[in-house]
Amino acid sequence: MARPATAIASLELMDKWACAGDVPGHMVFKWQRDIERSCNPDDPIKACVITRPTLDEPPGWIANIRPAIEAAGGTVLETTRRQLSPENTQ
């Protein structure tokens, strides 16, 4: 995966706006901030964040990982996924 600055610079250089990006959940607001900060102030970009709802069921990999954790003496305390929006994206 490209770093935000590299990807944004490439899009700007090639003038390929609008675009859609698929980024890891923990990076969404960093990408949004970086895109909005790096745009032309005379023609600002408003980056929109579109997310999917959290999963109703644990993902399939948990069925494989949980036994390995428990075999090593660990305990899985929770398998829920949470995505929180930061209070301040500045």
PDB file of N, CA and C in Angstrom:
ATOM      1  N   MET A   1       0.843  -1.175   0.000  1.00  0.00           N
ATOM      2  CA  MET A   1       0.000   0.000   0.000  1.00  0.00           C
ATOM      3  C   MET A   1       0.887   1.236   0.000  1.00  0.00           C
ATOM      4  N   ALA A   2       0.497   2.194  -0.796  1.00  0.00           N
ATOM      5  CA  ALA A   2       1.243   3.443  -0.873  1.00  0.00           C
ATOM      6  C   ALA A   2       1.029   4.253   0.402  1.00  0.00           C
ATOM      7  N   ARG A   3       2.014   5.019   0.724  1.00  0.00           N
ATOM      8  CA  ARG A   3       1.857   5.936   1.849  1.00  0.00           C
ATOM      9  C   ARG A   3       0.956   7.075   1.405  1.00  0.00           C
ATOM     10  N   PRO A   4       0.230   7.694   2.350  1.00  0.00           N
ATOM     11  CA  PRO A   4      -0.698   8.755   1.953  1.00  0.00           C
ATOM     12  C   PRO A   4      -0.042   9.855   1.115  1.00  0.00           C
ATOM     13  N   ALA A   5       1.094  10.356   1.542  1.00  0.00           N
ATOM     14  CA  ALA A   5       1.726  11.464   0.819  1.00  0.00           C
ATOM     15  C   ALA A   5       2.084  11.072  -0.616  1.00  0.00           C
ATOM     16  N   THR A   6       2.586   9.855  -0.810  1.00  0.00           N
ATOM     17  CA  THR A   6       2.955   9.392  -2.143  1.00  0.00           C
ATOM     18  C   THR A   6       1.722   9.243  -3.023  1.00  0.00           C
ATOM     19  N   ALA A   7       0.692   8.630  -2.493  1.00  0.00           N
ATOM     20  CA  ALA A   7      -0.529   8.431  -3.269  1.00  0.00           C
ATOM     21  C   ALA A   7      -1.186   9.765  -3.604  1.00  0.00           C
ATOM     22  N   ILE A   8      -1.255  10.665  -2.658  1.00  0.00           N
ATOM     23  CA  ILE A   8      -1.886  11.963  -2.886  1.00  0.00           C
ATOM     24  C   ILE A   8      -1.090  12.769  -3.896  1.00  0.00           C
ATOM     25  N   ALA A   9       0.230  12.759  -3.776  1.00  0.00           N
ATOM     26  CA  ALA A   9       1.076  13.480  -4.736  1.00  0.00           C
ATOM     27  C   ALA A   9       0.903  12.913  -6.139  1.00  0.00           C
ATOM     28  N   SER A  10       0.796  11.600  -6.254  1.00  0.00           N
ATOM     29  CA  SER A  10       0.602  10.968  -7.568  1.00  0.00           C
ATOM     30  C   SER A  10      -0.736  11.379  -8.172  1.00  0.00           C
ATOM     31  N   LEU A  11      -1.792  11.359  -7.376  1.00  0.00           N
ATOM     32  CA  LEU A  11      -3.105  11.771  -7.864  1.00  0.00           C
ATOM     33  C   LEU A  11      -3.091  13.230  -8.304  1.00  0.00           C
ATOM     34  N   GLU A  12      -2.428  14.063  -7.532  1.00  0.00           N
ATOM     35  CA  GLU A  12      -2.352  15.485  -7.854  1.00  0.00           C
ATOM     36  C   GLU A  12      -1.550  15.706  -9.134  1.00  0.00           C
ATOM     37  N   LEU A  13      -0.420  15.026  -9.247  1.00  0.00           N
ATOM     38  CA  LEU A  13       0.444  15.159 -10.419  1.00  0.00           C
ATOM     39  C   LEU A  13      -0.266  14.713 -11.693  1.00  0.00           C
ATOM     40  N   MET A  14      -1.019  13.617 -11.600  1.00  0.00           N
ATOM     41  CA  MET A  14      -1.730  13.092 -12.771  1.00  0.00           C
ATOM     42  C   MET A  14      -3.104  13.741 -12.950  1.00  0.00           C
ATOM     43  N   ASP A  15      -3.494  14.603 -12.002  1.00  0.00           N
ATOM     44  CA  ASP A  15      -4.802  15.258 -12.013  1.00  0.00           C
ATOM     45  C   ASP A  15      -5.915  14.225 -12.167  1.00  0.00           C
ATOM     46  N   LYS A  16      -5.898  13.233 -11.281  1.00  0.00           N
ATOM     47  CA  LYS A  16      -6.860  12.126 -11.327  1.00  0.00           C
ATOM     48  C   LYS A  16      -7.874  12.203 -10.190  1.00  0.00           C
ATOM     49  N   TRP A  17      -8.434  13.370  -9.971  1.00  0.00           N
ATOM     50  CA  TRP A  17      -9.467  13.507  -8.967  1.00  0.00           C
ATOM     51  C   TRP A  17     -10.803  13.406  -9.668  1.00  0.00           C
ATOM     52  N   ALA A  18     -11.825  12.929  -9.172  1.00  0.00           N
ATOM     53  CA  ALA A  18     -12.077  12.313  -7.892  1.00  0.00           C
ATOM     54  C   ALA A  18     -11.579  10.864  -7.904  1.00  0.00           C
ATOM     55  N   CYS A  19     -11.364  10.344  -6.735  1.00  0.00           N
ATOM     56  CA  CYS A  19     -10.894   8.968  -6.620  1.00  0.00           C
ATOM     57  C   CYS A  19     -11.504   8.346  -5.372  1.00  0.00           C
ATOM     58  N   ALA A  20     -11.445   7.042  -5.337  1.00  0.00           N
ATOM     59  CA  ALA A  20     -11.891   6.299  -4.161  1.00  0.00           C
ATOM     60  C   ALA A  20     -10.706   5.495  -3.654  1.00  0.00           C
ATOM     61  N   GLY A  21     -10.548   5.447  -2.357  1.00  0.00           N
ATOM     62  CA  GLY A  21      -9.450   4.693  -1.765  1.00  0.00           C
ATOM     63  C   GLY A  21      -9.972   3.695  -0.760  1.00  0.00           C
ATOM     64  N   ASP A  22      -9.326   2.572  -0.688  1.00  0.00           N
ATOM     65  CA  ASP A  22      -9.664   1.541   0.279  1.00  0.00           C
ATOM     66  C   ASP A  22      -8.483   1.447   1.227  1.00  0.00           C
ATOM     67  N   VAL A  23      -8.641   1.982   2.421  1.00  0.00           N
ATOM     68  CA  VAL A  23      -7.532   2.052   3.371  1.00  0.00           C
ATOM     69  C   VAL A  23      -7.903   1.313   4.651  1.00  0.00           C
ATOM     70  N   PRO A  24      -6.893   0.873   5.410  1.00  0.00           N
ATOM     71  CA  PRO A  24      -7.187   0.199   6.680  1.00  0.00           C
ATOM     72  C   PRO A  24      -7.968   1.122   7.617  1.00  0.00           C
ATOM     73  N   GLY A  25      -8.836   0.516   8.406  1.00  0.00           N
ATOM     74  CA  GLY A  25      -9.689   1.289   9.302  1.00  0.00           C
ATOM     75  C   GLY A  25      -8.953   2.254  10.206  1.00  0.00           C
ATOM     76  N   HIS A  26      -7.767   1.882  10.669  1.00  0.00           N
ATOM     77  CA  HIS A  26      -7.040   2.754  11.581  1.00  0.00           C
ATOM     78  C   HIS A  26      -6.375   3.919  10.861  1.00  0.00           C
ATOM     79  N   MET A  27      -6.403   3.932   9.517  1.00  0.00           N
ATOM     80  CA  MET A  27      -5.755   4.996   8.751  1.00  0.00           C
ATOM     81  C   MET A  27      -6.756   5.943   8.082  1.00  0.00           C
ATOM     82  N   VAL A  28      -8.037   5.679   8.188  1.00  0.00           N
ATOM     83  CA  VAL A  28      -9.046   6.439   7.445  1.00  0.00           C
ATOM     84  C   VAL A  28      -8.937   7.937   7.692  1.00  0.00           C
ATOM     85  N   PHE A  29      -8.893   8.342   8.942  1.00  0.00           N
ATOM     86  CA  PHE A  29      -8.907   9.767   9.234  1.00  0.00           C
ATOM     87  C   PHE A  29      -7.561  10.424   8.957  1.00  0.00           C
ATOM     88  N   LYS A  30      -6.472   9.667   8.987  1.00  0.00           N
ATOM     89  CA  LYS A  30      -5.179  10.218   8.575  1.00  0.00           C
ATOM     90  C   LYS A  30      -5.210  10.546   7.093  1.00  0.00           C
ATOM     91  N   TRP A  31      -5.731   9.622   6.284  1.00  0.00           N
ATOM     92  CA  TRP A  31      -5.844   9.877   4.844  1.00  0.00           C
ATOM     93  C   TRP A  31      -6.743  11.086   4.590  1.00  0.00           C
ATOM     94  N   GLN A  32      -7.857  11.154   5.272  1.00  0.00           N
ATOM     95  CA  GLN A  32      -8.769  12.278   5.081  1.00  0.00           C
ATOM     96  C   GLN A  32      -8.059  13.595   5.400  1.00  0.00           C
ATOM     97  N   ARG A  33      -7.384  13.647   6.530  1.00  0.00           N
ATOM     98  CA  ARG A  33      -6.645  14.854   6.919  1.00  0.00           C
ATOM     99  C   ARG A  33      -5.599  15.217   5.885  1.00  0.00           C
ATOM    100  N   ASP A  34      -4.799  14.221   5.466  1.00  0.00           N
ATOM    101  CA  ASP A  34      -3.717  14.488   4.522  1.00  0.00           C
ATOM    102  C   ASP A  34      -4.232  14.983   3.184  1.00  0.00           C
ATOM    103  N   ILE A  35      -5.317  14.399   2.700  1.00  0.00           N
ATOM    104  CA  ILE A  35      -5.890  14.842   1.423  1.00  0.00           C
ATOM    105  C   ILE A  35      -6.373  16.280   1.538  1.00  0.00           C
ATOM    106  N   GLU A  36      -7.096  16.584   2.591  1.00  0.00           N
ATOM    107  CA  GLU A  36      -7.637  17.937   2.746  1.00  0.00           C
ATOM    108  C   GLU A  36      -6.540  18.967   2.975  1.00  0.00           C
ATOM    109  N   ARG A  37      -5.481  18.603   3.661  1.00  0.00           N
ATOM    110  CA  ARG A  37      -4.383  19.541   3.917  1.00  0.00           C
ATOM    111  C   ARG A  37      -3.508  19.778   2.694  1.00  0.00           C
ATOM    112  N   SER A  38      -3.419  18.805   1.808  1.00  0.00           N
ATOM    113  CA  SER A  38      -2.488  18.933   0.684  1.00  0.00           C
ATOM    114  C   SER A  38      -3.129  19.515  -0.571  1.00  0.00           C
ATOM    115  N   CYS A  39      -4.412  19.788  -0.543  1.00  0.00           N
ATOM    116  CA  CYS A  39      -5.077  20.286  -1.744  1.00  0.00           C
ATOM    117  C   CYS A  39      -4.809  21.777  -1.943  1.00  0.00           C
ATOM    118  N   ASN A  40      -5.137  22.235  -3.126  1.00  0.00           N
ATOM    119  CA  ASN A  40      -5.024  23.642  -3.471  1.00  0.00           C
ATOM    120  C   ASN A  40      -6.035  24.427  -2.649  1.00  0.00           C
ATOM    121  N   PRO A  41      -5.613  25.413  -1.859  1.00  0.00           N
ATOM    122  CA  PRO A  41      -6.558  26.161  -1.023  1.00  0.00           C
ATOM    123  C   PRO A  41      -7.617  26.910  -1.837  1.00  0.00           C
ATOM    124  N   ASP A  42      -7.297  27.238  -3.099  1.00  0.00           N
ATOM    125  CA  ASP A  42      -8.267  27.932  -3.948  1.00  0.00           C
ATOM    126  C   ASP A  42      -9.311  26.973  -4.523  1.00  0.00           C
ATOM    127  N   ASP A  43      -9.020  25.691  -4.485  1.00  0.00           N
ATOM    128  CA  ASP A  43      -9.932  24.665  -4.986  1.00  0.00           C
ATOM    129  C   ASP A  43      -9.925  23.498  -3.996  1.00  0.00           C
ATOM    130  N   PRO A  44     -10.463  23.719  -2.775  1.00  0.00           N
ATOM    131  CA  PRO A  44     -10.322  22.713  -1.712  1.00  0.00           C
ATOM    132  C   PRO A  44     -11.041  21.407  -2.028  1.00  0.00           C
ATOM    133  N   ILE A  45     -10.495  20.350  -1.469  1.00  0.00           N
ATOM    134  CA  ILE A  45     -11.075  19.012  -1.577  1.00  0.00           C
ATOM    135  C   ILE A  45     -11.715  18.678  -0.242  1.00  0.00           C
ATOM    136  N   LYS A  46     -12.924  18.183  -0.293  1.00  0.00           N
ATOM    137  CA  LYS A  46     -13.577  17.688   0.920  1.00  0.00           C
ATOM    138  C   LYS A  46     -13.596  16.166   0.806  1.00  0.00           C
ATOM    139  N   ALA A  47     -12.730  15.522   1.549  1.00  0.00           N
ATOM    140  CA  ALA A  47     -12.633  14.061   1.522  1.00  0.00           C
ATOM    141  C   ALA A  47     -13.783  13.468   2.327  1.00  0.00           C
ATOM    142  N   CYS A  48     -14.501  12.553   1.735  1.00  0.00           N
ATOM    143  CA  CYS A  48     -15.626  11.889   2.397  1.00  0.00           C
ATOM    144  C   CYS A  48     -15.189  10.507   2.873  1.00  0.00           C
ATOM    145  N   VAL A  49     -15.602  10.151   4.054  1.00  0.00           N
ATOM    146  CA  VAL A  49     -15.304   8.837   4.607  1.00  0.00           C
ATOM    147  C   VAL A  49     -16.567   7.992   4.520  1.00  0.00           C
ATOM    148  N   ILE A  50     -16.456   6.882   3.829  1.00  0.00           N
ATOM    149  CA  ILE A  50     -17.571   5.954   3.693  1.00  0.00           C
ATOM    150  C   ILE A  50     -17.131   4.655   4.357  1.00  0.00           C
ATOM    151  N   THR A  51     -17.861   4.212   5.345  1.00  0.00           N
ATOM    152  CA  THR A  51     -17.480   2.991   6.041  1.00  0.00           C
ATOM    153  C   THR A  51     -18.595   1.970   5.934  1.00  0.00           C
ATOM    154  N   ARG A  52     -18.238   0.735   6.143  1.00  0.00           N
ATOM    155  CA  ARG A  52     -19.248  -0.313   6.168  1.00  0.00           C
ATOM    156  C   ARG A  52     -19.603  -0.585   7.621  1.00  0.00           C
ATOM    157  N   PRO A  53     -20.776  -1.119   7.862  1.00  0.00           N
ATOM    158  CA  PRO A  53     -21.127  -1.425   9.249  1.00  0.00           C
ATOM    159  C   PRO A  53     -20.205  -2.506   9.814  1.00  0.00           C
ATOM    160  N   THR A  54     -20.088  -2.524  11.100  1.00  0.00           N
ATOM    161  CA  THR A  54     -19.280  -3.565  11.720  1.00  0.00           C
ATOM    162  C   THR A  54     -19.908  -4.921  11.459  1.00  0.00           C
ATOM    163  N   LEU A  55     -19.102  -5.934  11.527  1.00  0.00           N
ATOM    164  CA  LEU A  55     -19.557  -7.284  11.208  1.00  0.00           C
ATOM    165  C   LEU A  55     -20.506  -7.828  12.271  1.00  0.00           C
ATOM    166  N   ASP A  56     -21.557  -8.513  11.824  1.00  0.00           N
ATOM    167  CA  ASP A  56     -22.476  -9.163  12.762  1.00  0.00           C
ATOM    168  C   ASP A  56     -21.838 -10.399  13.385  1.00  0.00           C
ATOM    169  N   GLU A  57     -20.984 -11.053  12.622  1.00  0.00           N
ATOM    170  CA  GLU A  57     -20.305 -12.265  13.093  1.00  0.00           C
ATOM    171  C   GLU A  57     -18.802 -12.031  13.034  1.00  0.00           C
ATOM    172  N   PRO A  58     -18.052 -12.701  13.880  1.00  0.00           N
ATOM    173  CA  PRO A  58     -16.600 -12.576  13.801  1.00  0.00           C
ATOM    174  C   PRO A  58     -16.098 -13.051  12.436  1.00  0.00           C
ATOM    175  N   PRO A  59     -15.042 -12.438  11.919  1.00  0.00           N
ATOM    176  CA  PRO A  59     -14.507 -12.875  10.633  1.00  0.00           C
ATOM    177  C   PRO A  59     -13.972 -14.307  10.708  1.00  0.00           C
ATOM    178  N   GLY A  60     -13.868 -14.948   9.542  1.00  0.00           N
ATOM    179  CA  GLY A  60     -13.453 -16.344   9.472  1.00  0.00           C
ATOM    180  C   GLY A  60     -12.088 -16.626  10.077  1.00  0.00           C
ATOM    181  N   TRP A  61     -11.168 -15.657  10.033  1.00  0.00           N
ATOM    182  CA  TRP A  61      -9.826 -15.923  10.545  1.00  0.00           C
ATOM    183  C   TRP A  61      -9.819 -16.195  12.042  1.00  0.00           C
ATOM    184  N   ILE A  62     -10.850 -15.737  12.752  1.00  0.00           N
ATOM    185  CA  ILE A  62     -10.891 -15.981  14.195  1.00  0.00           C
ATOM    186  C   ILE A  62     -10.988 -17.479  14.485  1.00  0.00           C
ATOM    187  N   ALA A  63     -11.682 -18.205  13.609  1.00  0.00           N
ATOM    188  CA  ALA A  63     -11.788 -19.651  13.807  1.00  0.00           C
ATOM    189  C   ALA A  63     -10.418 -20.311  13.734  1.00  0.00           C
ATOM    190  N   ASN A  64      -9.498 -19.743  12.992  1.00  0.00           N
ATOM    191  CA  ASN A  64      -8.148 -20.295  12.885  1.00  0.00           C
ATOM    192  C   ASN A  64      -7.212 -19.771  13.971  1.00  0.00           C
ATOM    193  N   ILE A  65      -7.349 -18.509  14.305  1.00  0.00           N
ATOM    194  CA  ILE A  65      -6.441 -17.877  15.265  1.00  0.00           C
ATOM    195  C   ILE A  65      -6.773 -18.250  16.706  1.00  0.00           C
ATOM    196  N   ARG A  66      -8.058 -18.292  17.039  1.00  0.00           N
ATOM    197  CA  ARG A  66      -8.451 -18.588  18.417  1.00  0.00           C
ATOM    198  C   ARG A  66      -7.848 -19.894  18.929  1.00  0.00           C
ATOM    199  N   PRO A  67      -7.938 -21.024  18.181  1.00  0.00           N
ATOM    200  CA  PRO A  67      -7.339 -22.263  18.680  1.00  0.00           C
ATOM    201  C   PRO A  67      -5.821 -22.146  18.902  1.00  0.00           C
ATOM    202  N   ALA A  68      -5.147 -21.396  18.044  1.00  0.00           N
ATOM    203  CA  ALA A  68      -3.699 -21.229  18.208  1.00  0.00           C
ATOM    204  C   ALA A  68      -3.383 -20.434  19.470  1.00  0.00           C
ATOM    205  N   ILE A  69      -4.167 -19.405  19.737  1.00  0.00           N
ATOM    206  CA  ILE A  69      -3.964 -18.603  20.949  1.00  0.00           C
ATOM    207  C   ILE A  69      -4.221 -19.451  22.186  1.00  0.00           C
ATOM    208  N   GLU A  70      -5.322 -20.194  22.165  1.00  0.00           N
ATOM    209  CA  GLU A  70      -5.663 -21.017  23.329  1.00  0.00           C
ATOM    210  C   GLU A  70      -4.677 -22.164  23.513  1.00  0.00           C
ATOM    211  N   ALA A  71      -4.162 -22.731  22.413  1.00  0.00           N
ATOM    212  CA  ALA A  71      -3.166 -23.804  22.515  1.00  0.00           C
ATOM    213  C   ALA A  71      -1.867 -23.293  23.134  1.00  0.00           C
ATOM    214  N   ALA A  72      -1.598 -21.998  22.950  1.00  0.00           N
ATOM    215  CA  ALA A  72      -0.391 -21.402  23.525  1.00  0.00           C
ATOM    216  C   ALA A  72      -0.625 -20.911  24.950  1.00  0.00           C
ATOM    217  N   GLY A  73      -1.817 -21.179  25.495  1.00  0.00           N
ATOM    218  CA  GLY A  73      -2.106 -20.786  26.877  1.00  0.00           C
ATOM    219  C   GLY A  73      -2.793 -19.442  27.002  1.00  0.00           C
ATOM    220  N   GLY A  74      -3.122 -18.815  25.890  1.00  0.00           N
ATOM    221  CA  GLY A  74      -3.788 -17.512  25.927  1.00  0.00           C
ATOM    222  C   GLY A  74      -5.297 -17.652  26.013  1.00  0.00           C
ATOM    223  N   THR A  75      -5.950 -16.547  26.265  1.00  0.00           N
ATOM    224  CA  THR A  75      -7.398 -16.503  26.336  1.00  0.00           C
ATOM    225  C   THR A  75      -7.907 -15.362  25.468  1.00  0.00           C
ATOM    226  N   VAL A  76      -8.859 -15.656  24.611  1.00  0.00           N
ATOM    227  CA  VAL A  76      -9.491 -14.618  23.792  1.00  0.00           C
ATOM    228  C   VAL A  76     -10.614 -14.017  24.622  1.00  0.00           C
ATOM    229  N   LEU A  77     -10.486 -12.757  24.944  1.00  0.00           N
ATOM    230  CA  LEU A  77     -11.473 -12.103  25.800  1.00  0.00           C
ATOM    231  C   LEU A  77     -12.643 -11.519  25.017  1.00  0.00           C
ATOM    232  N   GLU A  78     -12.383 -11.130  23.771  1.00  0.00           N
ATOM    233  CA  GLU A  78     -13.422 -10.459  23.010  1.00  0.00           C
ATOM    234  C   GLU A  78     -13.110 -10.588  21.519  1.00  0.00           C
ATOM    235  N   THR A  79     -14.155 -10.691  20.714  1.00  0.00           N
ATOM    236  CA  THR A  79     -13.952 -10.773  19.259  1.00  0.00           C
ATOM    237  C   THR A  79     -14.780  -9.732  18.518  1.00  0.00           C
ATOM    238  N   THR A  80     -15.229  -8.717  19.224  1.00  0.00           N
ATOM    239  CA  THR A  80     -16.017  -7.683  18.568  1.00  0.00           C
ATOM    240  C   THR A  80     -15.108  -6.657  17.920  1.00  0.00           C
ATOM    241  N   ARG A  81     -15.603  -6.053  16.855  1.00  0.00           N
ATOM    242  CA  ARG A  81     -14.849  -5.029  16.137  1.00  0.00           C
ATOM    243  C   ARG A  81     -15.494  -3.683  16.424  1.00  0.00           C
ATOM    244  N   ARG A  82     -14.672  -2.726  16.736  1.00  0.00           N
ATOM    245  CA  ARG A  82     -15.178  -1.375  16.979  1.00  0.00           C
ATOM    246  C   ARG A  82     -14.411  -0.400  16.107  1.00  0.00           C
ATOM    247  N   GLN A  83     -15.125   0.533  15.538  1.00  0.00           N
ATOM    248  CA  GLN A  83     -14.482   1.604  14.778  1.00  0.00           C
ATOM    249  C   GLN A  83     -15.002   2.905  15.354  1.00  0.00           C
ATOM    250  N   LEU A  84     -14.132   3.680  15.931  1.00  0.00           N
ATOM    251  CA  LEU A  84     -14.538   4.928  16.549  1.00  0.00           C
ATOM    252  C   LEU A  84     -14.047   6.095  15.721  1.00  0.00           C
ATOM    253  N   SER A  85     -14.882   7.086  15.568  1.00  0.00           N
ATOM    254  CA  SER A  85     -14.459   8.316  14.905  1.00  0.00           C
ATOM    255  C   SER A  85     -13.770   9.185  15.944  1.00  0.00           C
ATOM    256  N   PRO A  86     -12.640   9.771  15.574  1.00  0.00           N
ATOM    257  CA  PRO A  86     -11.956  10.621  16.557  1.00  0.00           C
ATOM    258  C   PRO A  86     -12.771  11.868  16.863  1.00  0.00           C
ATOM    259  N   GLU A  87     -12.575  12.393  18.048  1.00  0.00           N
ATOM    260  CA  GLU A  87     -13.266  13.614  18.433  1.00  0.00           C
ATOM    261  C   GLU A  87     -12.806  14.787  17.572  1.00  0.00           C
ATOM    262  N   ASN A  88     -11.516  14.826  17.295  1.00  0.00           N
ATOM    263  CA  ASN A  88     -10.941  15.926  16.537  1.00  0.00           C
ATOM    264  C   ASN A  88     -10.076  15.345  15.428  1.00  0.00           C
ATOM    265  N   THR A  89     -10.372  15.656  14.181  1.00  0.00           N
ATOM    266  CA  THR A  89      -9.596  15.117  13.067  1.00  0.00           C
ATOM    267  C   THR A  89      -8.515  16.079  12.592  1.00  0.00           C
ATOM    268  N   GLN A  90      -8.271  17.135  13.355  1.00  0.00           N
ATOM    269  CA  GLN A  90      -7.253  18.111  12.947  1.00  0.00           C
ATOM    270  C   GLN A  90      -5.872  17.647  13.282  1.00  0.00           C
TER     271      GLN A  90
END
